Amino acid sequence: MSSTSDARELTLADFPVHRSVTTRWSDNDMYGHLNNAVYYELFDSAINGWQAEHVTIDPMTDATQGVVAESSCAFYAEVAFPAPLVVGVRVVRLGRSSVTYQLGLFVDPERGPAADAGIKALGHWVHVEIDAATRRPTPIPDHLRALMETAVVEVPA
């Protein structure tokens, strides 16, 4: 992480996983920027898209499922359609049955203006792995844990 613990100082380089995301015209609200709920959709899509690209997950047939137990978002700067965006994903806590992600929303440096490089929003997302039948917490499967470990970062207290 950046030398400071101020989240506004985070850069895309602080996130091991980068996911390009697409917005739609209808994502803008009456104020001309992305509606707050859209940020959550982008974060959810970034996590699940990353997992689906690297491990086999079928929520309809798998013995376990990852469900969102907690989420929040700090908004730092406005973005709007059609800005090219990227979500940075990192794991800040990996437990036995839960994982805590931080998700940074940025203008994509490869497709957008370099002057607009600062973090736009920081999401906090906790997934708890549950047994699909009992709906009770269960250990994160090894194949999923191995992927999550590739995105673990140390965060200053």
N, C-alpha and C. Protein backbone atom coordinates (compact mmCIF):
# COMPACT_ATOMS: atom_id res chain seq x y z
N MET A 1 0.84 -1.18 0.00
CA MET A 1 0.00 0.00 0.00
C MET A 1 0.88 1.23 0.00
N SER A 2 0.33 2.31 -0.42
CA SER A 2 1.05 3.57 -0.38
C SER A 2 1.57 3.81 1.03
N SER A 3 2.57 4.69 1.15
CA SER A 3 3.23 4.91 2.44
C SER A 3 2.29 5.49 3.49
N THR A 4 1.18 6.03 3.10
CA THR A 4 0.23 6.59 4.04
C THR A 4 -0.95 5.63 4.21
N SER A 5 -1.63 5.73 5.34
CA SER A 5 -2.81 4.89 5.54
C SER A 5 -4.08 5.59 5.05
N ASP A 6 -3.95 6.76 4.44
CA ASP A 6 -5.09 7.48 3.89
C ASP A 6 -5.54 6.79 2.61
N ALA A 7 -6.75 6.29 2.60
CA ALA A 7 -7.26 5.55 1.44
C ALA A 7 -7.26 6.40 0.17
N ARG A 8 -7.36 7.70 0.31
CA ARG A 8 -7.36 8.58 -0.86
C ARG A 8 -6.01 8.58 -1.58
N GLU A 9 -4.98 8.05 -0.93
CA GLU A 9 -3.65 7.97 -1.53
C GLU A 9 -3.43 6.67 -2.29
N LEU A 10 -4.38 5.74 -2.20
CA LEU A 10 -4.23 4.47 -2.91
C LEU A 10 -4.17 4.70 -4.41
N THR A 11 -3.36 3.88 -5.08
CA THR A 11 -3.28 3.90 -6.53
C THR A 11 -3.64 2.52 -7.04
N LEU A 12 -3.83 2.41 -8.32
CA LEU A 12 -4.15 1.12 -8.92
C LEU A 12 -3.05 0.10 -8.63
N ALA A 13 -1.82 0.56 -8.48
CA ALA A 13 -0.69 -0.34 -8.19
C ALA A 13 -0.83 -1.02 -6.82
N ASP A 14 -1.67 -0.49 -5.95
CA ASP A 14 -1.88 -1.07 -4.62
C ASP A 14 -2.82 -2.28 -4.66
N PHE A 15 -3.35 -2.58 -5.82
CA PHE A 15 -4.31 -3.67 -5.98
C PHE A 15 -3.73 -4.72 -6.93
N PRO A 16 -3.56 -5.97 -6.48
CA PRO A 16 -2.96 -7.00 -7.32
C PRO A 16 -3.80 -7.41 -8.53
N VAL A 17 -5.11 -7.26 -8.43
CA VAL A 17 -6.01 -7.68 -9.50
C VAL A 17 -6.67 -6.45 -10.10
N HIS A 18 -6.70 -6.37 -11.43
CA HIS A 18 -7.33 -5.26 -12.14
C HIS A 18 -8.40 -5.80 -13.07
N ARG A 19 -9.61 -5.26 -12.97
CA ARG A 19 -10.74 -5.71 -13.78
C ARG A 19 -11.35 -4.51 -14.51
N SER A 20 -11.27 -4.49 -15.82
CA SER A 20 -11.94 -3.46 -16.59
C SER A 20 -13.44 -3.65 -16.44
N VAL A 21 -14.16 -2.55 -16.26
CA VAL A 21 -15.61 -2.62 -16.11
C VAL A 21 -16.26 -1.65 -17.08
N THR A 22 -17.46 -1.99 -17.45
CA THR A 22 -18.21 -1.19 -18.41
C THR A 22 -19.43 -0.60 -17.73
N THR A 23 -19.67 0.65 -17.98
CA THR A 23 -20.89 1.28 -17.50
C THR A 23 -21.82 1.51 -18.68
N ARG A 24 -23.04 1.83 -18.36
CA ARG A 24 -24.05 2.07 -19.38
C ARG A 24 -24.61 3.49 -19.19
N TRP A 25 -25.19 4.01 -20.21
CA TRP A 25 -25.82 5.33 -20.15
C TRP A 25 -26.81 5.38 -18.98
N SER A 26 -27.56 4.31 -18.80
CA SER A 26 -28.59 4.29 -17.75
C SER A 26 -28.00 4.24 -16.34
N ASP A 27 -26.68 4.04 -16.21
CA ASP A 27 -26.05 4.03 -14.89
C ASP A 27 -25.93 5.43 -14.30
N ASN A 28 -25.97 6.46 -15.14
CA ASN A 28 -25.92 7.84 -14.65
C ASN A 28 -27.24 8.19 -13.98
N ASP A 29 -27.16 8.95 -12.92
CA ASP A 29 -28.39 9.39 -12.27
C ASP A 29 -28.74 10.81 -12.69
N MET A 30 -29.73 11.40 -12.08
CA MET A 30 -30.18 12.72 -12.49
C MET A 30 -29.15 13.82 -12.26
N TYR A 31 -28.11 13.51 -11.47
CA TYR A 31 -27.05 14.49 -11.23
C TYR A 31 -25.91 14.36 -12.24
N GLY A 32 -26.01 13.37 -13.14
CA GLY A 32 -25.02 13.22 -14.19
C GLY A 32 -23.81 12.37 -13.82
N HIS A 33 -23.87 11.67 -12.69
CA HIS A 33 -22.79 10.76 -12.34
C HIS A 33 -23.37 9.38 -12.02
N LEU A 34 -22.48 8.39 -11.88
CA LEU A 34 -22.96 7.03 -11.61
C LEU A 34 -23.77 7.00 -10.33
N ASN A 35 -24.91 6.35 -10.39
CA ASN A 35 -25.74 6.16 -9.22
C ASN A 35 -24.96 5.32 -8.22
N ASN A 36 -25.12 5.60 -6.94
CA ASN A 36 -24.37 4.90 -5.90
C ASN A 36 -24.50 3.39 -5.98
N ALA A 37 -25.68 2.88 -6.31
CA ALA A 37 -25.90 1.44 -6.38
C ALA A 37 -25.05 0.80 -7.47
N VAL A 38 -24.69 1.55 -8.50
CA VAL A 38 -23.90 1.01 -9.61
C VAL A 38 -22.50 0.62 -9.12
N TYR A 39 -21.95 1.36 -8.18
CA TYR A 39 -20.63 1.03 -7.65
C TYR A 39 -20.64 -0.39 -7.07
N TYR A 40 -21.70 -0.73 -6.34
CA TYR A 40 -21.80 -2.06 -5.75
C TYR A 40 -21.90 -3.13 -6.84
N GLU A 41 -22.63 -2.83 -7.90
CA GLU A 41 -22.72 -3.78 -9.02
C GLU A 41 -21.35 -3.99 -9.67
N LEU A 42 -20.60 -2.91 -9.84
CA LEU A 42 -19.27 -3.02 -10.44
C LEU A 42 -18.34 -3.83 -9.55
N PHE A 43 -18.39 -3.59 -8.24
CA PHE A 43 -17.54 -4.33 -7.31
C PHE A 43 -17.90 -5.82 -7.31
N ASP A 44 -19.19 -6.13 -7.26
CA ASP A 44 -19.65 -7.51 -7.26
C ASP A 44 -19.23 -8.22 -8.54
N SER A 45 -19.37 -7.54 -9.68
CA SER A 45 -18.97 -8.11 -10.97
C SER A 45 -17.46 -8.32 -11.05
N ALA A 46 -16.69 -7.40 -10.47
CA ALA A 46 -15.23 -7.54 -10.50
C ALA A 46 -14.79 -8.78 -9.72
N ILE A 47 -15.32 -8.97 -8.53
CA ILE A 47 -14.94 -10.13 -7.71
C ILE A 47 -15.36 -11.42 -8.41
N ASN A 48 -16.62 -11.49 -8.79
CA ASN A 48 -17.13 -12.73 -9.37
C ASN A 48 -16.54 -13.02 -10.75
N GLY A 49 -16.28 -11.99 -11.54
CA GLY A 49 -15.64 -12.19 -12.84
C GLY A 49 -14.22 -12.71 -12.69
N TRP A 50 -13.48 -12.15 -11.74
CA TRP A 50 -12.11 -12.60 -11.46
C TRP A 50 -12.12 -14.07 -11.04
N GLN A 51 -13.01 -14.42 -10.13
CA GLN A 51 -13.07 -15.82 -9.70
C GLN A 51 -13.46 -16.74 -10.84
N ALA A 52 -14.46 -16.35 -11.62
CA ALA A 52 -14.95 -17.21 -12.71
C ALA A 52 -13.89 -17.44 -13.79
N GLU A 53 -12.99 -16.47 -13.97
CA GLU A 53 -11.92 -16.63 -14.96
C GLU A 53 -10.85 -17.61 -14.51
N HIS A 54 -10.74 -17.84 -13.20
CA HIS A 54 -9.62 -18.63 -12.68
C HIS A 54 -10.00 -19.94 -12.00
N VAL A 55 -11.21 -20.05 -11.52
CA VAL A 55 -11.65 -21.30 -10.88
C VAL A 55 -13.05 -21.64 -11.37
N THR A 56 -13.38 -22.90 -11.29
CA THR A 56 -14.72 -23.33 -11.70
C THR A 56 -15.68 -23.10 -10.55
N ILE A 57 -16.67 -22.27 -10.80
CA ILE A 57 -17.69 -21.99 -9.80
C ILE A 57 -19.05 -22.11 -10.48
N ASP A 58 -19.93 -22.87 -9.86
CA ASP A 58 -21.30 -22.97 -10.36
C ASP A 58 -22.24 -22.81 -9.16
N PRO A 59 -22.76 -21.61 -8.95
CA PRO A 59 -23.58 -21.38 -7.76
C PRO A 59 -24.84 -22.25 -7.70
N MET A 60 -25.23 -22.82 -8.82
CA MET A 60 -26.42 -23.67 -8.84
C MET A 60 -26.13 -25.10 -8.38
N THR A 61 -24.86 -25.55 -8.52
CA THR A 61 -24.55 -26.94 -8.18
C THR A 61 -23.43 -27.11 -7.16
N ASP A 62 -22.63 -26.08 -6.90
CA ASP A 62 -21.53 -26.22 -5.95
C ASP A 62 -22.04 -26.51 -4.54
N ALA A 63 -21.24 -27.23 -3.77
CA ALA A 63 -21.60 -27.57 -2.39
C ALA A 63 -21.52 -26.35 -1.48
N THR A 64 -20.73 -25.35 -1.90
CA THR A 64 -20.61 -24.13 -1.10
C THR A 64 -20.89 -22.91 -1.98
N GLN A 65 -21.20 -21.82 -1.32
CA GLN A 65 -21.46 -20.55 -2.02
C GLN A 65 -20.87 -19.41 -1.20
N GLY A 66 -20.35 -18.41 -1.89
CA GLY A 66 -19.88 -17.20 -1.23
C GLY A 66 -21.01 -16.18 -1.24
N VAL A 67 -21.40 -15.72 -0.07
CA VAL A 67 -22.46 -14.72 0.02
C VAL A 67 -21.91 -13.44 0.67
N VAL A 68 -22.46 -12.31 0.27
CA VAL A 68 -22.03 -11.04 0.84
C VAL A 68 -22.63 -10.88 2.23
N ALA A 69 -21.76 -10.72 3.21
CA ALA A 69 -22.21 -10.53 4.59
C ALA A 69 -22.13 -9.06 5.01
N GLU A 70 -21.29 -8.30 4.31
CA GLU A 70 -21.09 -6.90 4.67
C GLU A 70 -20.53 -6.18 3.46
N SER A 71 -20.97 -4.94 3.27
CA SER A 71 -20.41 -4.13 2.19
C SER A 71 -20.57 -2.66 2.52
N SER A 72 -19.64 -1.87 2.00
CA SER A 72 -19.73 -0.42 2.15
C SER A 72 -18.89 0.21 1.04
N CYS A 73 -19.07 1.51 0.88
CA CYS A 73 -18.32 2.23 -0.14
C CYS A 73 -18.07 3.65 0.32
N ALA A 74 -16.83 4.09 0.19
CA ALA A 74 -16.48 5.50 0.42
C ALA A 74 -16.28 6.14 -0.95
N PHE A 75 -16.98 7.23 -1.19
CA PHE A 75 -16.94 7.91 -2.48
C PHE A 75 -16.00 9.11 -2.39
N TYR A 76 -15.03 9.19 -3.30
CA TYR A 76 -14.03 10.25 -3.27
C TYR A 76 -14.16 11.24 -4.41
N ALA A 77 -14.58 10.78 -5.58
CA ALA A 77 -14.71 11.66 -6.74
C ALA A 77 -15.74 11.07 -7.69
N GLU A 78 -16.43 11.94 -8.39
CA GLU A 78 -17.47 11.49 -9.31
C GLU A 78 -16.88 10.84 -10.56
N VAL A 79 -17.60 9.86 -11.07
CA VAL A 79 -17.35 9.30 -12.39
C VAL A 79 -18.70 9.17 -13.07
N ALA A 80 -18.66 9.14 -14.39
CA ALA A 80 -19.90 9.04 -15.16
C ALA A 80 -19.67 8.25 -16.43
N PHE A 81 -20.74 7.68 -16.96
CA PHE A 81 -20.69 7.07 -18.28
C PHE A 81 -20.33 8.18 -19.26
N PRO A 82 -19.40 7.96 -20.18
CA PRO A 82 -18.78 6.72 -20.60
C PRO A 82 -17.33 6.56 -20.14
N ALA A 83 -16.97 7.08 -18.97
CA ALA A 83 -15.59 6.98 -18.50
C ALA A 83 -15.13 5.52 -18.50
N PRO A 84 -13.95 5.24 -19.05
CA PRO A 84 -13.41 3.87 -19.00
C PRO A 84 -12.89 3.59 -17.59
N LEU A 85 -13.43 2.58 -16.95
CA LEU A 85 -13.11 2.34 -15.55
C LEU A 85 -12.44 0.99 -15.34
N VAL A 86 -11.75 0.89 -14.22
CA VAL A 86 -11.14 -0.37 -13.80
C VAL A 86 -11.33 -0.49 -12.29
N VAL A 87 -11.62 -1.71 -11.85
CA VAL A 87 -11.73 -1.99 -10.42
C VAL A 87 -10.48 -2.74 -10.00
N GLY A 88 -9.80 -2.22 -9.00
CA GLY A 88 -8.69 -2.93 -8.37
C GLY A 88 -9.24 -3.79 -7.25
N VAL A 89 -8.80 -5.03 -7.19
CA VAL A 89 -9.27 -5.98 -6.17
C VAL A 89 -8.08 -6.42 -5.33
N ARG A 90 -8.27 -6.43 -4.02
CA ARG A 90 -7.26 -6.98 -3.12
C ARG A 90 -7.92 -7.60 -1.91
N VAL A 91 -7.26 -8.60 -1.36
CA VAL A 91 -7.75 -9.29 -0.17
C VAL A 91 -6.99 -8.73 1.01
N VAL A 92 -7.72 -8.19 1.99
CA VAL A 92 -7.07 -7.62 3.17
C VAL A 92 -7.22 -8.51 4.40
N ARG A 93 -8.06 -9.54 4.31
CA ARG A 93 -8.18 -10.54 5.36
C ARG A 93 -8.72 -11.81 4.74
N LEU A 94 -8.03 -12.92 5.03
CA LEU A 94 -8.47 -14.22 4.55
C LEU A 94 -8.60 -15.14 5.75
N GLY A 95 -9.83 -15.42 6.13
CA GLY A 95 -10.10 -16.27 7.28
C GLY A 95 -10.42 -17.69 6.87
N ARG A 96 -10.93 -18.47 7.80
CA ARG A 96 -11.29 -19.87 7.55
C ARG A 96 -12.51 -19.96 6.62
N SER A 97 -13.53 -19.15 6.91
CA SER A 97 -14.76 -19.21 6.12
C SER A 97 -15.15 -17.87 5.51
N SER A 98 -14.31 -16.85 5.70
CA SER A 98 -14.66 -15.54 5.15
C SER A 98 -13.44 -14.86 4.56
N VAL A 99 -13.72 -13.93 3.65
CA VAL A 99 -12.68 -13.14 3.00
C VAL A 99 -13.14 -11.70 2.97
N THR A 100 -12.22 -10.79 3.24
CA THR A 100 -12.52 -9.36 3.17
C THR A 100 -11.73 -8.76 2.04
N TYR A 101 -12.47 -8.14 1.12
CA TYR A 101 -11.87 -7.48 -0.04
C TYR A 101 -11.92 -5.97 0.14
N GLN A 102 -10.93 -5.30 -0.47
CA GLN A 102 -11.03 -3.88 -0.74
C GLN A 102 -11.05 -3.75 -2.25
N LEU A 103 -11.88 -2.83 -2.72
CA LEU A 103 -12.06 -2.64 -4.16
C LEU A 103 -11.91 -1.16 -4.46
N GLY A 104 -10.95 -0.84 -5.30
CA GLY A 104 -10.72 0.55 -5.69
C GLY A 104 -11.26 0.80 -7.08
N LEU A 105 -12.00 1.88 -7.24
CA LEU A 105 -12.51 2.25 -8.56
C LEU A 105 -11.66 3.39 -9.11
N PHE A 106 -11.15 3.18 -10.33
CA PHE A 106 -10.26 4.14 -10.98
C PHE A 106 -10.68 4.34 -12.43
N VAL A 107 -10.31 5.49 -13.00
CA VAL A 107 -10.38 5.64 -14.44
C VAL A 107 -9.26 4.78 -15.00
N ASP A 108 -9.54 3.98 -16.00
CA ASP A 108 -8.57 3.07 -16.58
C ASP A 108 -7.41 3.87 -17.17
N PRO A 109 -6.19 3.70 -16.66
CA PRO A 109 -5.06 4.49 -17.15
C PRO A 109 -4.69 4.19 -18.60
N GLU A 110 -5.10 3.03 -19.11
CA GLU A 110 -4.79 2.68 -20.50
C GLU A 110 -5.81 3.24 -21.48
N ARG A 111 -6.98 3.66 -20.97
CA ARG A 111 -8.03 4.13 -21.85
C ARG A 111 -8.54 5.52 -21.52
N GLY A 112 -8.10 6.08 -20.40
CA GLY A 112 -8.60 7.39 -19.98
C GLY A 112 -7.47 8.39 -19.80
N PRO A 113 -7.81 9.62 -19.44
CA PRO A 113 -6.79 10.66 -19.27
C PRO A 113 -5.90 10.40 -18.05
N ALA A 114 -4.60 10.56 -18.23
CA ALA A 114 -3.63 10.31 -17.15
C ALA A 114 -3.85 11.25 -15.98
N ALA A 115 -4.35 12.43 -16.23
CA ALA A 115 -4.57 13.41 -15.17
C ALA A 115 -5.69 12.99 -14.22
N ASP A 116 -6.42 11.96 -14.57
CA ASP A 116 -7.57 11.53 -13.78
C ASP A 116 -7.27 10.22 -13.05
N ALA A 117 -6.04 10.05 -12.56
CA ALA A 117 -5.59 8.77 -12.04
C ALA A 117 -6.00 8.46 -10.60
N GLY A 118 -6.48 9.42 -9.84
CA GLY A 118 -6.79 9.18 -8.43
C GLY A 118 -7.93 8.21 -8.21
N ILE A 119 -7.96 7.63 -7.01
CA ILE A 119 -9.03 6.70 -6.65
C ILE A 119 -10.36 7.46 -6.59
N LYS A 120 -11.39 6.85 -7.14
CA LYS A 120 -12.72 7.47 -7.17
C LYS A 120 -13.61 6.97 -6.05
N ALA A 121 -13.43 5.70 -5.68
CA ALA A 121 -14.23 5.10 -4.60
C ALA A 121 -13.47 3.90 -4.06
N LEU A 122 -13.72 3.59 -2.79
CA LEU A 122 -13.11 2.42 -2.16
C LEU A 122 -14.21 1.59 -1.53
N GLY A 123 -14.35 0.36 -2.03
CA GLY A 123 -15.36 -0.55 -1.51
C GLY A 123 -14.77 -1.49 -0.48
N HIS A 124 -15.62 -1.91 0.43
CA HIS A 124 -15.29 -2.90 1.47
C HIS A 124 -16.31 -4.00 1.30
N TRP A 125 -15.85 -5.24 1.16
CA TRP A 125 -16.74 -6.35 0.79
C TRP A 125 -16.33 -7.58 1.57
N VAL A 126 -17.24 -8.18 2.31
CA VAL A 126 -16.95 -9.41 3.04
C VAL A 126 -17.83 -10.52 2.47
N HIS A 127 -17.18 -11.58 2.00
CA HIS A 127 -17.88 -12.78 1.57
C HIS A 127 -17.71 -13.84 2.65
N VAL A 128 -18.79 -14.52 2.97
CA VAL A 128 -18.75 -15.68 3.85
C VAL A 128 -19.11 -16.90 3.02
N GLU A 129 -18.28 -17.92 3.11
CA GLU A 129 -18.57 -19.17 2.39
C GLU A 129 -19.56 -19.96 3.23
N ILE A 130 -20.64 -20.40 2.58
CA ILE A 130 -21.65 -21.17 3.30
C ILE A 130 -21.88 -22.50 2.61
N ASP A 131 -22.33 -23.47 3.38
CA ASP A 131 -22.76 -24.76 2.85
C ASP A 131 -24.08 -24.51 2.13
N ALA A 132 -24.17 -24.93 0.87
CA ALA A 132 -25.36 -24.65 0.08
C ALA A 132 -26.62 -25.30 0.66
N ALA A 133 -26.47 -26.43 1.33
CA ALA A 133 -27.63 -27.14 1.87
C ALA A 133 -28.05 -26.58 3.24
N THR A 134 -27.08 -26.39 4.13
CA THR A 134 -27.42 -25.98 5.50
C THR A 134 -27.47 -24.46 5.67
N ARG A 135 -26.84 -23.73 4.73
CA ARG A 135 -26.75 -22.26 4.77
C ARG A 135 -25.92 -21.78 5.97
N ARG A 136 -25.05 -22.61 6.47
CA ARG A 136 -24.17 -22.27 7.60
C ARG A 136 -22.76 -22.05 7.09
N PRO A 137 -21.95 -21.21 7.76
CA PRO A 137 -20.56 -21.00 7.34
C PRO A 137 -19.79 -22.31 7.26
N THR A 138 -18.91 -22.37 6.26
CA THR A 138 -18.10 -23.56 6.03
C THR A 138 -16.73 -23.09 5.51
N PRO A 139 -15.69 -23.90 5.63
CA PRO A 139 -14.38 -23.46 5.14
C PRO A 139 -14.39 -23.13 3.65
N ILE A 140 -13.61 -22.13 3.29
CA ILE A 140 -13.44 -21.76 1.88
C ILE A 140 -12.76 -22.93 1.18
N PRO A 141 -13.31 -23.40 0.05
CA PRO A 141 -12.69 -24.52 -0.67
C PRO A 141 -11.25 -24.18 -1.08
N ASP A 142 -10.39 -25.20 -1.09
CA ASP A 142 -8.97 -25.01 -1.37
C ASP A 142 -8.70 -24.30 -2.69
N HIS A 143 -9.42 -24.66 -3.76
CA HIS A 143 -9.17 -24.04 -5.07
C HIS A 143 -9.49 -22.54 -5.05
N LEU A 144 -10.51 -22.16 -4.31
CA LEU A 144 -10.88 -20.75 -4.20
C LEU A 144 -9.91 -20.01 -3.28
N ARG A 145 -9.53 -20.66 -2.18
CA ARG A 145 -8.55 -20.06 -1.25
C ARG A 145 -7.23 -19.78 -1.96
N ALA A 146 -6.78 -20.71 -2.79
CA ALA A 146 -5.51 -20.53 -3.51
C ALA A 146 -5.58 -19.29 -4.40
N LEU A 147 -6.71 -19.06 -5.05
CA LEU A 147 -6.86 -17.85 -5.87
C LEU A 147 -6.85 -16.61 -4.99
N MET A 148 -7.60 -16.62 -3.92
CA MET A 148 -7.66 -15.46 -3.02
C MET A 148 -6.28 -15.11 -2.47
N GLU A 149 -5.47 -16.12 -2.19
CA GLU A 149 -4.13 -15.88 -1.65
C GLU A 149 -3.27 -15.07 -2.62
N THR A 150 -3.55 -15.13 -3.92
CA THR A 150 -2.76 -14.38 -4.90
C THR A 150 -3.05 -12.88 -4.82
N ALA A 151 -4.10 -12.48 -4.12
CA ALA A 151 -4.48 -11.07 -4.03
C ALA A 151 -4.35 -10.51 -2.61
N VAL A 152 -3.75 -11.29 -1.69
CA VAL A 152 -3.59 -10.82 -0.31
C VAL A 152 -2.54 -9.73 -0.25
N VAL A 153 -2.86 -8.65 0.47
CA VAL A 153 -1.92 -7.57 0.73
C VAL A 153 -1.94 -7.25 2.22
N GLU A 154 -0.83 -6.71 2.69
CA GLU A 154 -0.75 -6.23 4.06
C GLU A 154 -1.24 -4.79 4.10
N VAL A 155 -2.13 -4.50 5.02
CA VAL A 155 -2.67 -3.14 5.16
C VAL A 155 -2.22 -2.58 6.50
N PRO A 156 -1.62 -1.39 6.49
CA PRO A 156 -1.21 -0.78 7.76
C PRO A 156 -2.39 -0.60 8.71
N ALA A 157 -2.13 -0.77 9.98
CA ALA A 157 -3.19 -0.62 10.99
C ALA A 157 -3.60 0.82 11.16
